[in-house]
Amino acid sequence: MTALWFFLGLLLGGCIGVVVMCLFQINKCNYYESEIRRIEEQIKTKK
């Protein structure tokens, strides 16, 4: 019975860890996209 709880906790913890890492990755992508838009605007205003 203890092994069942161990594997259940391991599975749940792994799923939560993956979700948190995906959220950080999405945030990082949004940051890079906003930087690209900012640089494109700077290029447009210089022309």
N, C-alpha and C. Protein backbone atom coordinates (compact mmCIF):
# COMPACT_ATOMS: atom_id res chain seq x y z
N MET A 1 0.82 -1.20 0.00
CA MET A 1 0.00 0.00 0.00
C MET A 1 0.87 1.26 0.00
N THR A 2 2.00 1.21 0.70
CA THR A 2 2.89 2.37 0.74
C THR A 2 3.46 2.65 -0.64
N ALA A 3 3.78 1.61 -1.38
CA ALA A 3 4.33 1.79 -2.72
C ALA A 3 3.30 2.45 -3.64
N LEU A 4 2.03 2.11 -3.45
CA LEU A 4 0.97 2.73 -4.25
C LEU A 4 0.93 4.23 -4.01
N TRP A 5 0.97 4.65 -2.75
CA TRP A 5 0.97 6.07 -2.43
C TRP A 5 2.23 6.77 -2.95
N PHE A 6 3.35 6.05 -2.88
CA PHE A 6 4.61 6.61 -3.40
C PHE A 6 4.51 6.88 -4.89
N PHE A 7 4.02 5.90 -5.65
CA PHE A 7 3.91 6.08 -7.10
C PHE A 7 2.84 7.10 -7.46
N LEU A 8 1.78 7.16 -6.69
CA LEU A 8 0.74 8.17 -6.94
C LEU A 8 1.31 9.57 -6.71
N GLY A 9 2.05 9.74 -5.63
CA GLY A 9 2.68 11.04 -5.35
C GLY A 9 3.73 11.40 -6.38
N LEU A 10 4.48 10.39 -6.82
CA LEU A 10 5.50 10.62 -7.84
C LEU A 10 4.85 11.06 -9.16
N LEU A 11 3.76 10.40 -9.52
CA LEU A 11 3.04 10.75 -10.75
C LEU A 11 2.44 12.15 -10.65
N LEU A 12 1.80 12.43 -9.54
CA LEU A 12 1.18 13.75 -9.36
C LEU A 12 2.24 14.85 -9.32
N GLY A 13 3.32 14.62 -8.60
CA GLY A 13 4.40 15.60 -8.54
C GLY A 13 5.06 15.82 -9.88
N GLY A 14 5.21 14.75 -10.65
CA GLY A 14 5.79 14.88 -11.99
C GLY A 14 4.89 15.69 -12.91
N CYS A 15 3.59 15.44 -12.83
CA CYS A 15 2.65 16.20 -13.67
C CYS A 15 2.66 17.68 -13.31
N ILE A 16 2.68 17.97 -12.02
CA ILE A 16 2.71 19.37 -11.58
C ILE A 16 4.02 20.03 -12.02
N GLY A 17 5.12 19.30 -11.91
CA GLY A 17 6.41 19.84 -12.35
C GLY A 17 6.44 20.16 -13.83
N VAL A 18 5.87 19.27 -14.64
CA VAL A 18 5.83 19.50 -16.09
C VAL A 18 4.97 20.72 -16.41
N VAL A 19 3.83 20.85 -15.74
CA VAL A 19 2.96 22.00 -15.98
C VAL A 19 3.67 23.30 -15.62
N VAL A 20 4.36 23.33 -14.50
CA VAL A 20 5.07 24.55 -14.09
C VAL A 20 6.17 24.89 -15.10
N MET A 21 6.92 23.89 -15.55
CA MET A 21 7.97 24.15 -16.53
C MET A 21 7.39 24.65 -17.86
N CYS A 22 6.25 24.11 -18.27
CA CYS A 22 5.61 24.58 -19.51
C CYS A 22 5.16 26.04 -19.36
N LEU A 23 4.63 26.38 -18.20
CA LEU A 23 4.21 27.77 -17.99
C LEU A 23 5.40 28.72 -18.05
N PHE A 24 6.53 28.33 -17.46
CA PHE A 24 7.72 29.17 -17.56
C PHE A 24 8.19 29.30 -19.00
N GLN A 25 8.10 28.22 -19.77
CA GLN A 25 8.52 28.26 -21.17
C GLN A 25 7.62 29.17 -21.98
N ILE A 26 6.30 29.12 -21.73
CA ILE A 26 5.36 29.99 -22.44
C ILE A 26 5.66 31.45 -22.10
N ASN A 27 5.95 31.73 -20.85
CA ASN A 27 6.28 33.09 -20.44
C ASN A 27 7.55 33.57 -21.14
N LYS A 28 8.53 32.69 -21.26
CA LYS A 28 9.79 33.03 -21.93
C LYS A 28 9.54 33.33 -23.41
N CYS A 29 8.71 32.53 -24.07
CA CYS A 29 8.39 32.76 -25.48
C CYS A 29 7.69 34.10 -25.66
N ASN A 30 6.76 34.42 -24.76
CA ASN A 30 6.06 35.71 -24.85
C ASN A 30 7.03 36.87 -24.68
N TYR A 31 8.02 36.71 -23.81
CA TYR A 31 9.01 37.76 -23.61
C TYR A 31 9.82 37.97 -24.89
N TYR A 32 10.26 36.88 -25.51
CA TYR A 32 11.05 37.00 -26.73
C TYR A 32 10.22 37.59 -27.87
N GLU A 33 8.96 37.22 -27.97
CA GLU A 33 8.11 37.78 -29.01
C GLU A 33 7.91 39.28 -28.81
N SER A 34 7.77 39.71 -27.58
CA SER A 34 7.61 41.15 -27.33
C SER A 34 8.90 41.90 -27.65
N GLU A 35 10.06 41.28 -27.38
CA GLU A 35 11.33 41.89 -27.74
C GLU A 35 11.45 42.02 -29.26
N ILE A 36 11.04 41.00 -29.99
CA ILE A 36 11.10 41.05 -31.46
C ILE A 36 10.20 42.17 -31.98
N ARG A 37 8.99 42.30 -31.42
CA ARG A 37 8.09 43.37 -31.85
C ARG A 37 8.69 44.74 -31.55
N ARG A 38 9.33 44.88 -30.39
CA ARG A 38 9.92 46.17 -30.00
C ARG A 38 11.05 46.53 -30.96
N ILE A 39 11.89 45.57 -31.31
CA ILE A 39 13.01 45.82 -32.22
C ILE A 39 12.49 46.13 -33.62
N GLU A 40 11.44 45.44 -34.06
CA GLU A 40 10.87 45.73 -35.38
C GLU A 40 10.31 47.15 -35.42
N GLU A 41 9.68 47.59 -34.34
CA GLU A 41 9.17 48.95 -34.29
C GLU A 41 10.31 49.97 -34.34
N GLN A 42 11.42 49.68 -33.68
CA GLN A 42 12.57 50.58 -33.73
C GLN A 42 13.11 50.67 -35.14
N ILE A 43 13.15 49.56 -35.85
CA ILE A 43 13.65 49.55 -37.22
C ILE A 43 12.71 50.36 -38.12
N LYS A 44 11.40 50.20 -37.92
CA LYS A 44 10.43 50.93 -38.76
C LYS A 44 10.53 52.43 -38.53
N THR A 45 10.72 52.84 -37.29
CA THR A 45 10.77 54.28 -37.01
C THR A 45 12.04 54.93 -37.52
N LYS A 46 13.13 54.16 -37.67
CA LYS A 46 14.38 54.71 -38.18
C LYS A 46 14.34 54.94 -39.68
N LYS A 47 13.50 54.21 -40.39
CA LYS A 47 13.44 54.36 -41.87
C LYS A 47 12.69 55.57 -42.29
